[in-house]
């Protein structure tokens, strides 16, 4: 094989491998609502790590995830929210605070440094079903989320917010938090 032809074939194969790797590992997402303010603003762009939960990494309270909303939401757009409650737990929102009734019987109050305006509503979830997650937007009073009565099945989760790519002033790791008390 001629050296130039070999080089073209190798380059095309490398491009294909790179394309497939990026396509299956990452997804670009744009924030289209104010439900995650002040953490994520309308128009911000992120890379979503689609492999984050596929190889043993557990979903954690505080992770920002992108997911296909359940049917009762009636939306064809992916949502981006923060995981608040884990399977088997009960989430209670009262007095502007979020309390987690854990499966071991303990109750914790979440310390959420990213919240600028506490929720002005009261809600107590039923026990979260196995393989389901209770999610909330950081803009508690302007977010269609699990406090309206639905949870996210694990199978609907596309991936974890990984990297903010736009605007450049926020370029860097996505603001996922390990919530204290969790």
N, C-alpha and C. Protein backbone atom coordinates (compact mmCIF):
# COMPACT_ATOMS: atom_id res chain seq x y z
N UNK A 1 0.85 -1.18 0.00
CA UNK A 1 0.00 0.00 0.00
C UNK A 1 0.89 1.24 0.00
N UNK A 2 0.50 2.21 -0.78
CA UNK A 2 1.28 3.43 -0.88
C UNK A 2 1.19 4.19 0.44
N UNK A 3 2.30 4.84 0.85
CA UNK A 3 2.32 5.55 2.14
C UNK A 3 1.21 6.60 2.28
N UNK A 4 0.89 7.31 1.22
CA UNK A 4 -0.13 8.36 1.32
C UNK A 4 -1.51 7.75 1.54
N UNK A 5 -1.80 6.62 0.86
CA UNK A 5 -3.08 5.95 1.03
C UNK A 5 -3.20 5.38 2.44
N UNK A 6 -2.11 4.79 2.92
CA UNK A 6 -2.08 4.25 4.28
C UNK A 6 -2.33 5.36 5.29
N UNK A 7 -1.73 6.50 5.11
CA UNK A 7 -1.90 7.63 6.03
C UNK A 7 -3.35 8.12 6.03
N UNK A 8 -3.96 8.17 4.86
CA UNK A 8 -5.37 8.60 4.76
C UNK A 8 -6.27 7.61 5.50
N UNK A 9 -6.04 6.32 5.31
CA UNK A 9 -6.86 5.30 5.97
C UNK A 9 -6.69 5.37 7.49
N UNK A 10 -5.47 5.49 7.97
CA UNK A 10 -5.21 5.59 9.41
C UNK A 10 -5.89 6.84 9.98
N UNK A 11 -5.79 7.95 9.28
CA UNK A 11 -6.41 9.20 9.74
C UNK A 11 -7.93 9.05 9.81
N UNK A 12 -8.52 8.44 8.79
CA UNK A 12 -9.97 8.25 8.80
C UNK A 12 -10.41 7.31 9.92
N UNK A 13 -9.66 6.25 10.15
CA UNK A 13 -9.98 5.33 11.24
C UNK A 13 -9.87 6.01 12.60
N UNK A 14 -8.83 6.82 12.78
CA UNK A 14 -8.67 7.56 14.04
C UNK A 14 -9.83 8.54 14.23
N UNK A 15 -10.24 9.21 13.17
CA UNK A 15 -11.36 10.15 13.25
C UNK A 15 -12.65 9.41 13.62
N UNK A 16 -12.86 8.23 13.03
CA UNK A 16 -14.05 7.43 13.33
C UNK A 16 -14.06 6.99 14.79
N UNK A 17 -12.93 6.50 15.28
CA UNK A 17 -12.83 6.08 16.68
C UNK A 17 -13.09 7.26 17.61
N UNK A 18 -12.51 8.40 17.31
CA UNK A 18 -12.71 9.60 18.12
C UNK A 18 -14.18 10.03 18.09
N UNK A 19 -14.79 10.05 16.92
CA UNK A 19 -16.20 10.42 16.79
C UNK A 19 -17.09 9.48 17.61
N UNK A 20 -16.90 8.18 17.46
CA UNK A 20 -17.72 7.21 18.19
C UNK A 20 -17.51 7.34 19.69
N UNK A 21 -16.27 7.53 20.11
CA UNK A 21 -15.99 7.70 21.53
C UNK A 21 -16.69 8.90 22.11
N UNK A 22 -16.63 10.02 21.41
CA UNK A 22 -17.28 11.23 21.89
C UNK A 22 -18.80 11.06 21.85
N UNK A 23 -19.32 10.47 20.78
CA UNK A 23 -20.77 10.30 20.64
C UNK A 23 -21.35 9.44 21.76
N UNK A 24 -20.67 8.38 22.14
CA UNK A 24 -21.19 7.48 23.15
C UNK A 24 -20.81 7.88 24.57
N UNK A 25 -19.81 8.71 24.74
CA UNK A 25 -19.35 9.08 26.07
C UNK A 25 -19.86 10.45 26.52
N UNK A 26 -20.03 11.36 25.58
CA UNK A 26 -20.41 12.74 25.92
C UNK A 26 -21.63 13.17 25.13
N UNK A 27 -22.34 14.11 25.70
CA UNK A 27 -23.45 14.74 24.99
C UNK A 27 -23.41 16.22 25.32
N UNK A 28 -23.66 17.04 24.34
CA UNK A 28 -23.74 18.48 24.56
C UNK A 28 -25.16 18.81 25.00
N UNK A 29 -25.30 19.68 26.00
CA UNK A 29 -26.62 20.10 26.46
C UNK A 29 -26.62 21.60 26.65
N UNK A 30 -27.77 22.20 26.37
CA UNK A 30 -27.93 23.64 26.59
C UNK A 30 -29.01 23.84 27.64
N UNK A 31 -28.76 24.74 28.58
CA UNK A 31 -29.73 25.07 29.61
C UNK A 31 -30.78 25.98 28.96
N UNK A 32 -32.05 25.53 28.95
CA UNK A 32 -33.09 26.28 28.25
C UNK A 32 -34.12 26.90 29.19
N UNK A 33 -33.94 26.73 30.48
CA UNK A 33 -34.88 27.36 31.43
C UNK A 33 -34.09 27.89 32.62
N UNK A 34 -34.78 28.64 33.45
CA UNK A 34 -34.15 29.21 34.64
C UNK A 34 -34.30 28.34 35.87
N UNK A 35 -34.68 27.07 35.71
CA UNK A 35 -34.94 26.21 36.87
C UNK A 35 -33.70 25.88 37.69
N UNK A 36 -32.52 26.05 37.12
CA UNK A 36 -31.28 25.74 37.87
C UNK A 36 -30.52 27.00 38.29
N UNK A 37 -31.16 28.17 38.16
CA UNK A 37 -30.52 29.40 38.63
C UNK A 37 -30.31 29.34 40.14
N UNK A 38 -29.27 29.87 40.69
CA UNK A 38 -28.20 30.62 40.05
C UNK A 38 -27.04 29.73 39.56
N UNK A 39 -27.15 28.42 39.78
CA UNK A 39 -26.06 27.51 39.43
C UNK A 39 -25.80 27.47 37.93
N UNK A 40 -26.85 27.29 37.16
CA UNK A 40 -26.76 27.24 35.70
C UNK A 40 -27.74 28.25 35.12
N UNK A 41 -27.27 29.06 34.19
CA UNK A 41 -28.10 30.10 33.59
C UNK A 41 -28.58 29.69 32.21
N UNK A 42 -29.68 30.31 31.78
CA UNK A 42 -30.21 30.06 30.45
C UNK A 42 -29.12 30.36 29.42
N UNK A 43 -28.94 29.44 28.48
CA UNK A 43 -27.94 29.60 27.43
C UNK A 43 -26.60 28.94 27.72
N UNK A 44 -26.36 28.56 28.98
CA UNK A 44 -25.10 27.86 29.27
C UNK A 44 -25.10 26.52 28.55
N UNK A 45 -23.91 26.09 28.17
CA UNK A 45 -23.74 24.80 27.50
C UNK A 45 -22.84 23.93 28.36
N UNK A 46 -23.16 22.64 28.35
CA UNK A 46 -22.42 21.68 29.17
C UNK A 46 -22.13 20.42 28.38
N UNK A 47 -21.08 19.74 28.77
CA UNK A 47 -20.89 18.36 28.34
C UNK A 47 -21.49 17.48 29.42
N UNK A 48 -22.25 16.50 28.98
CA UNK A 48 -22.85 15.51 29.87
C UNK A 48 -22.05 14.22 29.72
N UNK A 49 -21.58 13.69 30.84
CA UNK A 49 -20.85 12.43 30.84
C UNK A 49 -21.86 11.29 30.83
N UNK A 50 -22.04 10.66 29.68
CA UNK A 50 -23.03 9.60 29.52
C UNK A 50 -22.56 8.27 30.12
N UNK A 51 -21.29 8.16 30.42
CA UNK A 51 -20.76 6.92 30.98
C UNK A 51 -20.63 6.97 32.50
N UNK A 52 -20.91 8.12 33.10
CA UNK A 52 -20.67 8.32 34.53
C UNK A 52 -21.31 7.25 35.41
N UNK A 53 -22.50 6.82 35.08
CA UNK A 53 -23.22 5.87 35.94
C UNK A 53 -23.25 4.47 35.35
N UNK A 54 -22.52 4.24 34.28
CA UNK A 54 -22.55 2.94 33.62
C UNK A 54 -21.53 1.94 34.19
N UNK A 55 -20.48 2.45 34.80
CA UNK A 55 -19.39 1.56 35.23
C UNK A 55 -19.17 1.63 36.74
N UNK A 56 -20.24 1.47 37.50
CA UNK A 56 -20.12 1.35 38.94
C UNK A 56 -20.20 2.64 39.73
N UNK A 57 -20.13 3.81 39.07
CA UNK A 57 -20.26 5.06 39.82
C UNK A 57 -21.72 5.22 40.22
N UNK A 58 -21.97 5.38 41.51
CA UNK A 58 -23.33 5.49 41.99
C UNK A 58 -23.85 6.90 41.85
N UNK A 59 -25.14 7.01 41.59
CA UNK A 59 -25.78 8.32 41.60
C UNK A 59 -25.75 8.83 43.03
N UNK A 60 -25.39 10.09 43.20
CA UNK A 60 -25.24 10.65 44.54
C UNK A 60 -26.11 11.89 44.70
N UNK A 61 -26.55 12.08 45.92
CA UNK A 61 -27.28 13.30 46.25
C UNK A 61 -26.37 14.49 45.94
N UNK A 62 -26.88 15.47 45.23
CA UNK A 62 -26.09 16.63 44.86
C UNK A 62 -25.63 16.62 43.41
N UNK A 63 -25.63 15.45 42.77
CA UNK A 63 -25.25 15.38 41.35
C UNK A 63 -26.27 16.13 40.50
N UNK A 64 -25.77 16.85 39.50
CA UNK A 64 -26.64 17.46 38.50
C UNK A 64 -26.71 16.48 37.34
N UNK A 65 -27.94 16.10 36.98
CA UNK A 65 -28.13 15.10 35.93
C UNK A 65 -29.00 15.65 34.80
N UNK A 66 -28.84 15.06 33.64
CA UNK A 66 -29.73 15.29 32.50
C UNK A 66 -30.52 14.00 32.33
N UNK A 67 -31.83 14.15 32.12
CA UNK A 67 -32.69 12.97 32.02
C UNK A 67 -33.87 13.24 31.10
N UNK A 68 -34.42 12.14 30.62
CA UNK A 68 -35.67 12.20 29.86
C UNK A 68 -36.78 12.25 30.91
N UNK A 69 -37.62 13.29 30.89
CA UNK A 69 -38.66 13.38 31.92
C UNK A 69 -39.67 12.25 31.79
N UNK A 70 -40.25 11.84 32.92
CA UNK A 70 -41.25 10.77 32.87
C UNK A 70 -42.50 11.23 32.10
N UNK A 71 -43.34 10.28 31.64
CA UNK A 71 -44.48 10.61 30.77
C UNK A 71 -45.43 11.66 31.35
N UNK A 72 -45.64 11.66 32.67
CA UNK A 72 -46.60 12.61 33.24
C UNK A 72 -46.15 14.07 33.12
N UNK A 73 -44.88 14.29 32.79
CA UNK A 73 -44.37 15.65 32.60
C UNK A 73 -44.78 16.20 31.23
N UNK A 74 -44.98 15.31 30.26
CA UNK A 74 -45.44 15.69 28.92
C UNK A 74 -44.50 16.71 28.27
N UNK A 75 -43.23 16.33 28.16
CA UNK A 75 -42.24 17.18 27.51
C UNK A 75 -41.35 16.33 26.62
N UNK A 76 -40.97 16.87 25.48
CA UNK A 76 -40.05 16.15 24.60
C UNK A 76 -38.62 16.66 24.76
N UNK A 77 -38.37 17.53 25.71
CA UNK A 77 -37.03 18.07 25.97
C UNK A 77 -36.42 17.38 27.18
N UNK A 78 -35.12 17.11 27.12
CA UNK A 78 -34.43 16.59 28.29
C UNK A 78 -34.43 17.66 29.38
N UNK A 79 -34.47 17.21 30.64
CA UNK A 79 -34.43 18.10 31.80
C UNK A 79 -33.06 18.03 32.44
N UNK A 80 -32.71 19.09 33.15
CA UNK A 80 -31.49 19.10 33.95
C UNK A 80 -31.87 19.56 35.35
N UNK A 81 -31.57 18.71 36.34
CA UNK A 81 -31.93 18.97 37.74
C UNK A 81 -30.86 18.35 38.64
N UNK A 82 -31.02 18.58 39.93
CA UNK A 82 -30.09 18.05 40.93
C UNK A 82 -30.76 16.90 41.68
N UNK A 83 -30.01 15.81 41.91
CA UNK A 83 -30.53 14.69 42.69
C UNK A 83 -30.60 15.12 44.16
N UNK A 84 -31.79 14.93 44.74
CA UNK A 84 -32.02 15.28 46.14
C UNK A 84 -32.32 14.03 46.96
N UNK A 85 -33.21 13.16 46.47
CA UNK A 85 -33.61 11.97 47.21
C UNK A 85 -33.24 10.70 46.47
N UNK A 86 -32.86 9.69 47.25
CA UNK A 86 -32.42 8.40 46.72
C UNK A 86 -33.50 7.34 46.95
N UNK A 87 -33.41 6.20 46.27
CA UNK A 87 -34.43 5.16 46.43
C UNK A 87 -34.66 4.80 47.90
N UNK A 88 -35.95 4.67 48.26
CA UNK A 88 -36.33 4.28 49.61
C UNK A 88 -36.49 5.44 50.57
N UNK A 89 -35.99 6.61 50.23
CA UNK A 89 -36.05 7.76 51.14
C UNK A 89 -37.37 8.52 50.96
N UNK A 90 -37.65 9.37 51.94
CA UNK A 90 -38.78 10.30 51.87
C UNK A 90 -38.19 11.70 51.92
N UNK A 91 -38.63 12.57 51.01
CA UNK A 91 -38.17 13.95 50.98
C UNK A 91 -39.27 14.84 51.54
N UNK A 92 -38.90 15.67 52.50
CA UNK A 92 -39.85 16.60 53.11
C UNK A 92 -39.33 18.02 52.90
N UNK A 93 -40.18 18.88 52.36
CA UNK A 93 -39.82 20.28 52.14
C UNK A 93 -40.77 21.11 53.00
N UNK A 94 -40.20 21.80 53.96
CA UNK A 94 -41.02 22.61 54.86
C UNK A 94 -40.19 23.76 55.41
N UNK A 95 -40.81 24.90 55.58
CA UNK A 95 -40.10 26.06 56.13
C UNK A 95 -38.91 26.48 55.30
N UNK A 96 -38.93 26.19 54.00
CA UNK A 96 -37.82 26.55 53.13
C UNK A 96 -36.64 25.60 53.18
N UNK A 97 -36.74 24.55 53.99
CA UNK A 97 -35.65 23.57 54.13
C UNK A 97 -36.05 22.24 53.53
N UNK A 98 -35.04 21.46 53.16
CA UNK A 98 -35.26 20.11 52.64
C UNK A 98 -34.72 19.12 53.66
N UNK A 99 -35.58 18.19 54.06
CA UNK A 99 -35.22 17.15 55.00
C UNK A 99 -35.31 15.80 54.29
N UNK A 100 -34.35 14.95 54.58
CA UNK A 100 -34.33 13.61 54.01
C UNK A 100 -34.56 12.61 55.13
N UNK A 101 -35.61 11.82 54.99
CA UNK A 101 -35.88 10.72 55.91
C UNK A 101 -35.22 9.50 55.27
N UNK A 102 -34.04 9.15 55.80
CA UNK A 102 -33.25 8.08 55.20
C UNK A 102 -33.83 6.70 55.54
N UNK A 103 -33.37 5.71 54.81
CA UNK A 103 -33.90 4.36 54.99
C UNK A 103 -33.53 3.75 56.34
N UNK A 104 -32.50 4.29 57.00
CA UNK A 104 -32.12 3.77 58.32
C UNK A 104 -32.89 4.45 59.45
N UNK A 105 -33.84 5.33 59.11
CA UNK A 105 -34.66 6.00 60.11
C UNK A 105 -34.17 7.37 60.54
N UNK A 106 -32.96 7.73 60.15
CA UNK A 106 -32.45 9.06 60.51
C UNK A 106 -33.04 10.12 59.58
N UNK A 107 -33.10 11.33 60.10
CA UNK A 107 -33.59 12.47 59.31
C UNK A 107 -32.47 13.50 59.27
N UNK A 108 -32.16 13.97 58.07
CA UNK A 108 -31.11 14.99 57.92
C UNK A 108 -31.70 16.21 57.22
N UNK A 109 -31.19 17.37 57.60
CA UNK A 109 -31.53 18.61 56.92
C UNK A 109 -30.40 18.89 55.94
N UNK A 110 -30.74 19.07 54.67
CA UNK A 110 -29.70 19.32 53.68
C UNK A 110 -29.14 20.73 53.82
N UNK A 111 -27.83 20.83 53.76
CA UNK A 111 -27.14 22.12 53.69
C UNK A 111 -26.88 22.35 52.21
N UNK A 112 -27.59 23.31 51.63
CA UNK A 112 -27.51 23.53 50.19
C UNK A 112 -26.97 24.93 49.90
N UNK A 113 -25.65 25.06 49.75
CA UNK A 113 -25.03 26.38 49.59
C UNK A 113 -25.39 27.08 48.29
N UNK A 114 -25.94 26.37 47.33
CA UNK A 114 -26.25 26.92 46.02
C UNK A 114 -27.64 27.55 45.96
N UNK A 115 -28.44 27.44 46.99
CA UNK A 115 -29.80 27.98 47.00
C UNK A 115 -29.78 29.44 47.44
N UNK A 116 -30.38 30.31 46.63
CA UNK A 116 -30.46 31.73 47.01
C UNK A 116 -31.84 32.10 47.54
N UNK A 117 -32.86 31.36 47.16
CA UNK A 117 -34.21 31.61 47.66
C UNK A 117 -34.84 30.27 48.04
N UNK A 118 -35.14 30.07 49.31
CA UNK A 118 -35.70 28.78 49.74
C UNK A 118 -37.09 28.56 49.16
N UNK A 119 -37.49 27.31 49.12
CA UNK A 119 -38.82 26.95 48.61
C UNK A 119 -39.90 27.60 49.45
N UNK A 120 -40.91 28.14 48.79
CA UNK A 120 -42.02 28.76 49.53
C UNK A 120 -43.25 27.84 49.54
N UNK A 121 -43.01 26.54 49.48
CA UNK A 121 -44.08 25.56 49.50
C UNK A 121 -43.71 24.44 50.47
N UNK A 122 -44.71 23.63 50.79
CA UNK A 122 -44.52 22.47 51.65
C UNK A 122 -44.87 21.23 50.84
N UNK A 123 -44.05 20.20 50.99
CA UNK A 123 -44.30 18.96 50.26
C UNK A 123 -43.63 17.81 51.00
N UNK A 124 -44.29 16.67 51.05
CA UNK A 124 -43.67 15.45 51.56
C UNK A 124 -43.92 14.36 50.53
N UNK A 125 -42.84 13.75 50.08
CA UNK A 125 -42.96 12.70 49.06
C UNK A 125 -43.35 11.38 49.70
N UNK A 126 -43.92 10.48 48.92
CA UNK A 126 -43.99 9.10 49.39
C UNK A 126 -42.57 8.53 49.34
N UNK A 127 -42.39 7.34 49.89
CA UNK A 127 -41.07 6.70 49.79
C UNK A 127 -40.72 6.55 48.31
N UNK A 128 -39.50 6.93 47.97
CA UNK A 128 -39.05 6.89 46.58
C UNK A 128 -38.89 5.43 46.16
N UNK A 129 -39.47 5.09 45.03
CA UNK A 129 -39.45 3.71 44.53
C UNK A 129 -38.02 3.25 44.22
N UNK A 130 -37.78 1.94 44.24
CA UNK A 130 -36.47 1.42 43.85
C UNK A 130 -36.08 1.93 42.46
N UNK A 131 -34.81 2.23 42.29
CA UNK A 131 -34.27 2.71 41.01
C UNK A 131 -34.92 4.00 40.52
N UNK A 132 -35.42 4.82 41.44
CA UNK A 132 -35.97 6.13 41.11
C UNK A 132 -35.28 7.18 41.97
N UNK A 133 -35.31 8.43 41.49
CA UNK A 133 -34.61 9.53 42.16
C UNK A 133 -35.51 10.75 42.21
N UNK A 134 -35.46 11.45 43.34
CA UNK A 134 -36.19 12.70 43.54
C UNK A 134 -35.25 13.82 43.14
N UNK A 135 -35.67 14.64 42.19
CA UNK A 135 -34.81 15.71 41.67
C UNK A 135 -35.48 17.06 41.86
N UNK A 136 -34.65 18.09 42.02
CA UNK A 136 -35.17 19.46 42.15
C UNK A 136 -34.26 20.41 41.41
N UNK A 137 -34.86 21.50 40.93
CA UNK A 137 -34.07 22.59 40.38
C UNK A 137 -33.55 23.45 41.52
N UNK A 138 -32.45 24.13 41.30
CA UNK A 138 -31.89 25.01 42.34
C UNK A 138 -32.73 26.27 42.52
N UNK A 139 -33.48 26.65 41.53
CA UNK A 139 -34.39 27.79 41.59
C UNK A 139 -35.73 27.24 42.08
N UNK A 140 -35.79 26.93 43.36
CA UNK A 140 -36.87 26.13 43.94
C UNK A 140 -38.28 26.61 43.62
N UNK A 141 -38.49 27.90 43.52
CA UNK A 141 -39.84 28.41 43.31
C UNK A 141 -40.21 28.57 41.84
N UNK A 142 -39.30 28.22 40.96
CA UNK A 142 -39.55 28.30 39.52
C UNK A 142 -39.00 27.08 38.81
N UNK A 143 -39.33 25.91 39.33
CA UNK A 143 -38.82 24.67 38.75
C UNK A 143 -39.91 23.61 38.75
N UNK A 144 -40.17 23.04 37.58
CA UNK A 144 -41.04 21.88 37.50
C UNK A 144 -40.20 20.66 37.81
N UNK A 145 -40.38 20.10 38.99
CA UNK A 145 -39.50 19.00 39.42
C UNK A 145 -40.27 18.00 40.27
N UNK A 146 -39.57 17.18 41.01
CA UNK A 146 -40.21 16.09 41.75
C UNK A 146 -41.17 16.56 42.84
N UNK A 147 -41.10 17.82 43.25
CA UNK A 147 -42.05 18.28 44.27
C UNK A 147 -43.48 18.36 43.70
N UNK A 148 -43.61 18.16 42.39
CA UNK A 148 -44.95 18.12 41.79
C UNK A 148 -45.48 16.70 41.67
N UNK A 149 -44.76 15.73 42.23
CA UNK A 149 -45.30 14.38 42.36
C UNK A 149 -44.69 13.29 41.51
N UNK A 150 -43.59 13.53 40.85
CA UNK A 150 -42.97 12.48 40.03
C UNK A 150 -41.50 12.30 40.43
N UNK A 151 -40.97 11.15 40.08
CA UNK A 151 -39.54 10.86 40.28
C UNK A 151 -38.95 10.43 38.94
N UNK A 152 -37.64 10.28 38.91
CA UNK A 152 -36.95 9.93 37.67
C UNK A 152 -36.44 8.49 37.76
N UNK A 153 -36.92 7.61 36.89
CA UNK A 153 -36.37 6.26 36.85
C UNK A 153 -34.91 6.30 36.39
N UNK A 154 -34.09 5.45 36.96
CA UNK A 154 -32.68 5.41 36.58
C UNK A 154 -32.51 5.23 35.07
N UNK A 155 -33.40 4.46 34.47
CA UNK A 155 -33.30 4.20 33.03
C UNK A 155 -33.51 5.47 32.19
N UNK A 156 -34.08 6.51 32.76
CA UNK A 156 -34.30 7.78 32.04
C UNK A 156 -33.10 8.72 32.13
N UNK A 157 -32.13 8.38 32.96
CA UNK A 157 -31.00 9.28 33.17
C UNK A 157 -30.01 9.15 32.01
N UNK A 158 -29.75 10.29 31.36
CA UNK A 158 -28.83 10.34 30.23
C UNK A 158 -27.39 10.38 30.73
N UNK A 159 -27.13 11.18 31.76
CA UNK A 159 -25.78 11.29 32.29
C UNK A 159 -25.66 12.40 33.32
N UNK A 160 -24.44 12.62 33.74
CA UNK A 160 -24.11 13.59 34.79
C UNK A 160 -23.48 14.82 34.16
N UNK A 161 -23.91 16.00 34.61
CA UNK A 161 -23.29 17.23 34.14
C UNK A 161 -21.81 17.16 34.49
N UNK A 162 -20.95 17.39 33.49
CA UNK A 162 -19.53 17.19 33.70
C UNK A 162 -18.72 18.46 33.52
N UNK A 163 -18.97 19.22 32.45
CA UNK A 163 -18.09 20.34 32.12
C UNK A 163 -18.90 21.47 31.49
N UNK A 164 -18.78 22.67 32.03
CA UNK A 164 -19.41 23.84 31.42
C UNK A 164 -18.51 24.32 30.30
N UNK A 165 -19.06 24.43 29.09
CA UNK A 165 -18.26 24.84 27.93
C UNK A 165 -18.57 26.25 27.46
N UNK A 166 -19.72 26.78 27.87
CA UNK A 166 -20.10 28.14 27.48
C UNK A 166 -20.99 28.73 28.55
N UNK A 167 -20.82 29.95 28.94
CA UNK A 167 -19.86 30.93 28.44
C UNK A 167 -18.45 30.64 28.98
N UNK A 168 -17.47 31.21 28.31
CA UNK A 168 -16.08 30.95 28.71
C UNK A 168 -15.79 31.40 30.13
N UNK A 169 -16.53 32.38 30.63
CA UNK A 169 -16.31 32.86 32.00
C UNK A 169 -16.63 31.79 33.03
N UNK A 170 -17.43 30.78 32.66
CA UNK A 170 -17.76 29.68 33.57
C UNK A 170 -17.12 28.37 33.15
N UNK A 171 -16.22 28.42 32.17
CA UNK A 171 -15.57 27.22 31.64
C UNK A 171 -14.93 26.43 32.78
N UNK A 172 -15.28 25.16 32.88
CA UNK A 172 -14.69 24.31 33.91
C UNK A 172 -15.67 23.26 34.38
N UNK A 173 -15.29 22.56 35.44
CA UNK A 173 -16.10 21.47 35.97
C UNK A 173 -17.49 21.95 36.36
N UNK A 174 -18.49 21.13 36.06
CA UNK A 174 -19.87 21.46 36.43
C UNK A 174 -19.99 21.46 37.95
N UNK A 175 -20.86 22.31 38.49
CA UNK A 175 -20.97 22.47 39.94
C UNK A 175 -21.81 21.39 40.62
N UNK A 176 -21.31 20.16 40.64
CA UNK A 176 -21.95 19.09 41.40
C UNK A 176 -21.47 19.21 42.84
N UNK A 177 -22.34 18.93 43.80
CA UNK A 177 -21.99 19.05 45.21
C UNK A 177 -22.21 17.73 45.92
N UNK A 178 -21.32 17.41 46.84
CA UNK A 178 -21.59 16.34 47.80
C UNK A 178 -22.27 17.06 48.95
N UNK A 179 -23.57 16.84 49.11
CA UNK A 179 -24.32 17.61 50.09
C UNK A 179 -24.01 17.15 51.50
N UNK A 180 -23.68 18.09 52.37
CA UNK A 180 -23.34 17.75 53.75
C UNK A 180 -24.58 17.22 54.46
N UNK A 181 -24.34 16.30 55.36
CA UNK A 181 -25.42 15.65 56.06
C UNK A 181 -26.00 14.48 55.29
N UNK A 182 -25.54 14.32 54.06
CA UNK A 182 -26.16 13.30 53.20
C UNK A 182 -25.58 11.97 53.45
